[in-house]
Amino acid sequence: MAPTTLQPVKDAFALFREGLAAVRDAKALLPAAQQEAVTVTLEKAGTAASLAEAQIAKALGFRLHECTWPPQIMLAVKTPNGEEKRCPACGATTDIRTRRRVVRPSRAISTEHGDRSPENKPRR
């Protein structure tokens, strides 16, 4: 799917998040008792928006990474070895050619198949 096709959806979520930010700013004008209720409602709305964004992305064929809740949308990045998907939250990557391998850059482990570092290999 072309990135321009997704632009209206991205714009809608950006506007929604801007609306939430405006309400957060206006919350300070309320009495203290009402501020807590508004804070809870804003947190729920933010989580719901992130979850909706992830569900739409998944329906459109994007990969999700479950390092947070709601899950993060994996973004395509160019690398010397080609293109891979990268999680914007934790930096985990997956090579598009193999689709199964998810590697954390800092520790080089596979999150889908367990830790394959040298010290955790089974001895023969």
N, C-alpha and C. Protein backbone atom coordinates (compact mmCIF):
# COMPACT_ATOMS: atom_id res chain seq x y z
N MET A 1 0.85 -1.17 0.00
CA MET A 1 0.00 0.00 0.00
C MET A 1 0.89 1.23 0.00
N ALA A 2 0.58 2.17 -0.81
CA ALA A 2 1.38 3.38 -0.95
C ALA A 2 1.28 4.25 0.30
N PRO A 3 2.40 4.89 0.72
CA PRO A 3 2.36 5.76 1.89
C PRO A 3 1.34 6.88 1.77
N THR A 4 1.09 7.37 0.57
CA THR A 4 0.12 8.46 0.40
C THR A 4 -1.29 8.00 0.71
N THR A 5 -1.57 6.70 0.56
CA THR A 5 -2.88 6.16 0.88
C THR A 5 -3.13 6.24 2.38
N LEU A 6 -2.09 6.11 3.18
CA LEU A 6 -2.22 6.12 4.63
C LEU A 6 -2.23 7.53 5.22
N GLN A 7 -1.89 8.52 4.44
CA GLN A 7 -1.76 9.88 4.97
C GLN A 7 -3.04 10.40 5.65
N PRO A 8 -4.23 10.20 5.08
CA PRO A 8 -5.43 10.67 5.77
C PRO A 8 -5.63 10.02 7.15
N VAL A 9 -5.30 8.74 7.26
CA VAL A 9 -5.42 8.04 8.55
C VAL A 9 -4.41 8.63 9.54
N LYS A 10 -3.18 8.83 9.09
CA LYS A 10 -2.16 9.41 9.96
C LYS A 10 -2.56 10.81 10.40
N ASP A 11 -3.12 11.59 9.49
CA ASP A 11 -3.56 12.95 9.82
C ASP A 11 -4.68 12.93 10.85
N ALA A 12 -5.61 11.99 10.71
CA ALA A 12 -6.72 11.89 11.66
C ALA A 12 -6.21 11.59 13.06
N PHE A 13 -5.26 10.65 13.18
CA PHE A 13 -4.71 10.33 14.49
C PHE A 13 -3.91 11.51 15.06
N ALA A 14 -3.20 12.23 14.21
CA ALA A 14 -2.44 13.40 14.67
C ALA A 14 -3.39 14.46 15.21
N LEU A 15 -4.50 14.69 14.53
CA LEU A 15 -5.48 15.67 15.01
C LEU A 15 -6.10 15.24 16.33
N PHE A 16 -6.40 13.96 16.45
CA PHE A 16 -6.97 13.45 17.70
C PHE A 16 -5.99 13.66 18.86
N ARG A 17 -4.72 13.34 18.61
CA ARG A 17 -3.70 13.52 19.66
C ARG A 17 -3.51 14.99 20.02
N GLU A 18 -3.61 15.87 19.03
CA GLU A 18 -3.53 17.31 19.31
C GLU A 18 -4.70 17.75 20.17
N GLY A 19 -5.87 17.20 19.91
CA GLY A 19 -7.05 17.50 20.73
C GLY A 19 -6.86 17.05 22.17
N LEU A 20 -6.29 15.86 22.34
CA LEU A 20 -6.00 15.38 23.69
C LEU A 20 -5.01 16.30 24.40
N ALA A 21 -4.00 16.76 23.68
CA ALA A 21 -3.01 17.66 24.27
C ALA A 21 -3.65 18.98 24.68
N ALA A 22 -4.58 19.48 23.89
CA ALA A 22 -5.26 20.72 24.23
C ALA A 22 -6.10 20.56 25.50
N VAL A 23 -6.76 19.42 25.63
CA VAL A 23 -7.55 19.17 26.84
C VAL A 23 -6.62 19.03 28.05
N ARG A 24 -5.46 18.39 27.86
CA ARG A 24 -4.48 18.28 28.95
C ARG A 24 -4.06 19.67 29.44
N ASP A 25 -3.82 20.56 28.49
CA ASP A 25 -3.42 21.93 28.84
C ASP A 25 -4.55 22.66 29.56
N ALA A 26 -5.78 22.47 29.12
CA ALA A 26 -6.93 23.17 29.73
C ALA A 26 -7.30 22.57 31.09
N LYS A 27 -6.83 21.36 31.36
CA LYS A 27 -7.15 20.68 32.62
C LYS A 27 -6.72 21.50 33.84
N ALA A 28 -5.66 22.26 33.71
CA ALA A 28 -5.16 23.06 34.83
C ALA A 28 -6.16 24.13 35.27
N LEU A 29 -7.09 24.49 34.42
CA LEU A 29 -8.08 25.51 34.76
C LEU A 29 -9.22 24.95 35.61
N LEU A 30 -9.30 23.64 35.73
CA LEU A 30 -10.39 23.01 36.49
C LEU A 30 -10.05 22.92 37.98
N PRO A 31 -11.07 22.77 38.83
CA PRO A 31 -10.81 22.52 40.25
C PRO A 31 -10.07 21.20 40.43
N ALA A 32 -9.33 21.07 41.51
CA ALA A 32 -8.48 19.90 41.75
C ALA A 32 -9.26 18.59 41.69
N ALA A 33 -10.46 18.54 42.20
CA ALA A 33 -11.25 17.31 42.21
C ALA A 33 -11.56 16.84 40.78
N GLN A 34 -11.81 17.77 39.90
CA GLN A 34 -12.14 17.41 38.52
C GLN A 34 -10.88 17.10 37.70
N GLN A 35 -9.74 17.64 38.10
CA GLN A 35 -8.49 17.39 37.35
C GLN A 35 -8.14 15.91 37.33
N GLU A 36 -8.32 15.22 38.46
CA GLU A 36 -7.98 13.80 38.52
C GLU A 36 -8.87 13.00 37.57
N ALA A 37 -10.16 13.30 37.53
CA ALA A 37 -11.08 12.60 36.64
C ALA A 37 -10.71 12.84 35.18
N VAL A 38 -10.34 14.06 34.86
CA VAL A 38 -9.94 14.39 33.49
C VAL A 38 -8.64 13.66 33.14
N THR A 39 -7.71 13.58 34.08
CA THR A 39 -6.45 12.88 33.83
C THR A 39 -6.71 11.41 33.50
N VAL A 40 -7.55 10.75 34.28
CA VAL A 40 -7.86 9.34 34.04
C VAL A 40 -8.52 9.17 32.67
N THR A 41 -9.46 10.03 32.36
CA THR A 41 -10.16 9.95 31.07
C THR A 41 -9.19 10.18 29.90
N LEU A 42 -8.28 11.13 30.05
CA LEU A 42 -7.29 11.39 29.00
C LEU A 42 -6.37 10.20 28.79
N GLU A 43 -5.96 9.55 29.87
CA GLU A 43 -5.10 8.37 29.75
C GLU A 43 -5.81 7.25 29.01
N LYS A 44 -7.09 7.05 29.34
CA LYS A 44 -7.88 6.02 28.65
C LYS A 44 -8.04 6.36 27.17
N ALA A 45 -8.30 7.62 26.87
CA ALA A 45 -8.47 8.04 25.47
C ALA A 45 -7.16 7.88 24.69
N GLY A 46 -6.04 8.22 25.31
CA GLY A 46 -4.74 8.05 24.65
C GLY A 46 -4.43 6.60 24.36
N THR A 47 -4.71 5.72 25.32
CA THR A 47 -4.49 4.29 25.13
C THR A 47 -5.41 3.75 24.03
N ALA A 48 -6.67 4.18 24.06
CA ALA A 48 -7.61 3.72 23.03
C ALA A 48 -7.17 4.18 21.64
N ALA A 49 -6.67 5.41 21.53
CA ALA A 49 -6.21 5.92 20.23
C ALA A 49 -5.00 5.11 19.74
N SER A 50 -4.07 4.81 20.64
CA SER A 50 -2.89 4.02 20.26
C SER A 50 -3.29 2.61 19.84
N LEU A 51 -4.23 2.02 20.56
CA LEU A 51 -4.70 0.68 20.22
C LEU A 51 -5.41 0.68 18.87
N ALA A 52 -6.24 1.68 18.63
CA ALA A 52 -6.93 1.79 17.33
C ALA A 52 -5.93 1.96 16.20
N GLU A 53 -4.92 2.78 16.43
CA GLU A 53 -3.88 2.99 15.42
C GLU A 53 -3.16 1.68 15.10
N ALA A 54 -2.83 0.89 16.14
CA ALA A 54 -2.16 -0.39 15.94
C ALA A 54 -3.07 -1.38 15.21
N GLN A 55 -4.36 -1.41 15.55
CA GLN A 55 -5.29 -2.32 14.89
C GLN A 55 -5.46 -1.98 13.42
N ILE A 56 -5.53 -0.69 13.11
CA ILE A 56 -5.64 -0.27 11.71
C ILE A 56 -4.37 -0.65 10.96
N ALA A 57 -3.21 -0.40 11.57
CA ALA A 57 -1.94 -0.75 10.92
C ALA A 57 -1.86 -2.25 10.66
N LYS A 58 -2.27 -3.06 11.63
CA LYS A 58 -2.24 -4.51 11.45
C LYS A 58 -3.18 -4.93 10.32
N ALA A 59 -4.37 -4.33 10.27
CA ALA A 59 -5.32 -4.65 9.20
C ALA A 59 -4.78 -4.27 7.83
N LEU A 60 -3.92 -3.26 7.78
CA LEU A 60 -3.32 -2.84 6.52
C LEU A 60 -2.05 -3.62 6.18
N GLY A 61 -1.68 -4.57 7.04
CA GLY A 61 -0.54 -5.43 6.75
C GLY A 61 0.77 -5.04 7.41
N PHE A 62 0.76 -4.05 8.28
CA PHE A 62 1.98 -3.67 8.98
C PHE A 62 2.25 -4.65 10.12
N ARG A 63 3.53 -4.82 10.45
CA ARG A 63 3.91 -5.69 11.56
C ARG A 63 3.87 -4.90 12.86
N LEU A 64 3.52 -5.58 13.94
CA LEU A 64 3.47 -4.96 15.26
C LEU A 64 4.52 -5.60 16.16
N HIS A 65 5.05 -4.83 17.11
CA HIS A 65 6.00 -5.34 18.09
C HIS A 65 5.39 -5.13 19.46
N GLU A 66 5.31 -6.17 20.25
CA GLU A 66 4.60 -6.12 21.52
C GLU A 66 5.51 -5.84 22.71
N CYS A 67 6.43 -4.90 22.55
CA CYS A 67 7.29 -4.52 23.68
C CYS A 67 6.56 -3.58 24.62
N THR A 68 5.46 -3.00 24.15
CA THR A 68 4.63 -2.11 24.97
C THR A 68 3.17 -2.46 24.72
N TRP A 69 2.30 -1.92 25.54
CA TRP A 69 0.87 -2.04 25.28
C TRP A 69 0.30 -0.66 25.19
N PRO A 70 -0.40 -0.33 24.19
CA PRO A 70 -0.66 -1.04 22.94
C PRO A 70 0.63 -1.29 22.14
N PRO A 71 0.59 -2.29 21.26
CA PRO A 71 1.80 -2.64 20.50
C PRO A 71 2.29 -1.50 19.61
N GLN A 72 3.59 -1.53 19.33
CA GLN A 72 4.22 -0.54 18.46
C GLN A 72 4.13 -1.00 17.01
N ILE A 73 3.99 -0.05 16.10
CA ILE A 73 3.98 -0.34 14.67
C ILE A 73 5.43 -0.36 14.20
N MET A 74 5.86 -1.47 13.62
CA MET A 74 7.22 -1.60 13.12
C MET A 74 7.36 -0.72 11.87
N LEU A 75 8.43 0.07 11.82
CA LEU A 75 8.67 0.99 10.72
C LEU A 75 9.75 0.45 9.81
N ALA A 76 9.61 0.62 8.50
CA ALA A 76 10.60 0.16 7.54
C ALA A 76 11.80 1.12 7.56
N VAL A 77 13.00 0.55 7.62
CA VAL A 77 14.23 1.33 7.56
C VAL A 77 15.20 0.66 6.59
N LYS A 78 15.99 1.47 5.91
CA LYS A 78 17.01 0.94 5.00
C LYS A 78 18.27 0.63 5.80
N THR A 79 18.89 -0.50 5.50
CA THR A 79 20.15 -0.89 6.12
C THR A 79 21.12 -1.32 5.03
N PRO A 80 22.40 -1.49 5.37
CA PRO A 80 23.35 -1.97 4.35
C PRO A 80 22.97 -3.33 3.78
N ASN A 81 22.23 -4.14 4.54
CA ASN A 81 21.82 -5.47 4.09
C ASN A 81 20.46 -5.48 3.40
N GLY A 82 19.88 -4.33 3.18
CA GLY A 82 18.56 -4.25 2.57
C GLY A 82 17.62 -3.46 3.45
N GLU A 83 16.38 -3.90 3.51
CA GLU A 83 15.37 -3.22 4.31
C GLU A 83 14.95 -4.11 5.46
N GLU A 84 14.68 -3.51 6.60
CA GLU A 84 14.18 -4.25 7.75
C GLU A 84 13.13 -3.41 8.45
N LYS A 85 12.40 -4.04 9.35
CA LYS A 85 11.41 -3.34 10.16
C LYS A 85 12.05 -3.06 11.52
N ARG A 86 11.78 -1.86 12.07
CA ARG A 86 12.35 -1.48 13.36
C ARG A 86 11.26 -0.93 14.27
N CYS A 87 11.28 -1.36 15.52
CA CYS A 87 10.34 -0.87 16.52
C CYS A 87 10.81 0.51 17.00
N PRO A 88 9.95 1.53 16.93
CA PRO A 88 10.37 2.86 17.36
C PRO A 88 10.56 2.98 18.87
N ALA A 89 9.98 2.07 19.66
CA ALA A 89 10.08 2.15 21.11
C ALA A 89 11.36 1.51 21.66
N CYS A 90 11.66 0.28 21.22
CA CYS A 90 12.79 -0.44 21.80
C CYS A 90 13.94 -0.66 20.82
N GLY A 91 13.72 -0.43 19.53
CA GLY A 91 14.78 -0.59 18.54
C GLY A 91 14.94 -1.99 18.00
N ALA A 92 14.09 -2.93 18.42
CA ALA A 92 14.17 -4.30 17.89
C ALA A 92 13.95 -4.26 16.39
N THR A 93 14.64 -5.13 15.66
CA THR A 93 14.53 -5.14 14.21
C THR A 93 14.20 -6.53 13.71
N THR A 94 13.64 -6.58 12.51
CA THR A 94 13.40 -7.84 11.83
C THR A 94 13.76 -7.66 10.37
N ASP A 95 14.51 -8.59 9.84
CA ASP A 95 14.90 -8.57 8.44
C ASP A 95 13.69 -9.01 7.62
N ILE A 96 13.28 -8.22 6.65
CA ILE A 96 12.08 -8.50 5.86
C ILE A 96 12.23 -9.81 5.09
N ARG A 97 13.46 -10.16 4.69
CA ARG A 97 13.64 -11.38 3.91
C ARG A 97 13.34 -12.63 4.73
N THR A 98 13.64 -12.64 6.03
CA THR A 98 13.41 -13.83 6.84
C THR A 98 12.11 -13.75 7.63
N ARG A 99 11.60 -12.57 7.91
CA ARG A 99 10.35 -12.26 8.60
C ARG A 99 10.25 -12.82 10.00
N ARG A 100 11.01 -13.84 10.38
CA ARG A 100 10.86 -14.41 11.71
C ARG A 100 11.88 -13.88 12.71
N ARG A 101 12.98 -13.40 12.24
CA ARG A 101 14.08 -13.05 13.12
C ARG A 101 13.92 -11.63 13.66
N VAL A 102 13.80 -11.52 14.96
CA VAL A 102 13.73 -10.22 15.61
C VAL A 102 14.95 -10.10 16.49
N VAL A 103 15.77 -9.09 16.25
CA VAL A 103 17.03 -8.93 16.96
C VAL A 103 17.05 -7.61 17.69
N ARG A 104 17.43 -7.65 18.95
CA ARG A 104 17.64 -6.42 19.70
C ARG A 104 19.09 -6.00 19.45
N PRO A 105 19.30 -4.79 18.93
CA PRO A 105 20.64 -4.36 18.58
C PRO A 105 21.63 -4.39 19.74
N SER A 106 21.18 -4.11 20.94
CA SER A 106 22.09 -4.02 22.07
C SER A 106 22.59 -5.37 22.54
N ARG A 107 21.78 -6.43 22.41
CA ARG A 107 22.19 -7.72 22.94
C ARG A 107 22.20 -8.84 21.92
N ALA A 108 21.72 -8.59 20.72
CA ALA A 108 21.70 -9.58 19.64
C ALA A 108 21.05 -10.88 20.07
N ILE A 109 19.79 -10.83 20.52
CA ILE A 109 19.06 -12.04 20.85
C ILE A 109 17.83 -12.11 19.97
N SER A 110 17.34 -13.30 19.79
CA SER A 110 16.11 -13.48 19.03
C SER A 110 14.96 -13.54 20.02
N THR A 111 14.01 -12.63 19.90
CA THR A 111 12.90 -12.60 20.85
C THR A 111 11.84 -13.62 20.52
N GLU A 112 11.85 -14.17 19.32
CA GLU A 112 10.84 -15.17 18.96
C GLU A 112 11.29 -16.59 19.24
N HIS A 113 12.60 -16.82 19.27
CA HIS A 113 13.10 -18.18 19.41
C HIS A 113 13.99 -18.34 20.64
N GLY A 114 13.90 -17.45 21.59
CA GLY A 114 14.69 -17.55 22.80
C GLY A 114 16.07 -16.96 22.63
N ASP A 115 16.82 -16.91 23.70
CA ASP A 115 18.15 -16.32 23.72
C ASP A 115 19.13 -17.28 23.05
N ARG A 116 19.82 -16.80 22.03
CA ARG A 116 20.80 -17.64 21.31
C ARG A 116 22.20 -17.10 21.46
N SER A 117 22.43 -16.41 22.57
CA SER A 117 23.78 -15.90 22.82
C SER A 117 24.69 -17.09 23.13
N PRO A 118 26.02 -16.96 22.91
CA PRO A 118 26.94 -18.09 23.08
C PRO A 118 26.85 -18.73 24.46
N GLU A 119 26.66 -17.95 25.51
CA GLU A 119 26.65 -18.54 26.85
C GLU A 119 25.38 -19.35 27.13
N ASN A 120 24.36 -19.24 26.29
CA ASN A 120 23.12 -20.00 26.50
C ASN A 120 22.91 -21.11 25.48
N LYS A 121 23.92 -21.41 24.66
CA LYS A 121 23.80 -22.50 23.71
C LYS A 121 23.87 -23.84 24.45
N PRO A 122 23.06 -24.82 24.00
CA PRO A 122 23.15 -26.13 24.63
C PRO A 122 24.50 -26.78 24.32
N ARG A 123 25.03 -27.48 25.30
CA ARG A 123 26.32 -28.17 25.08
C ARG A 123 26.07 -29.55 24.50
N ARG A 124 26.93 -29.94 23.60
CA ARG A 124 26.77 -31.24 22.93
C ARG A 124 27.63 -32.28 23.55
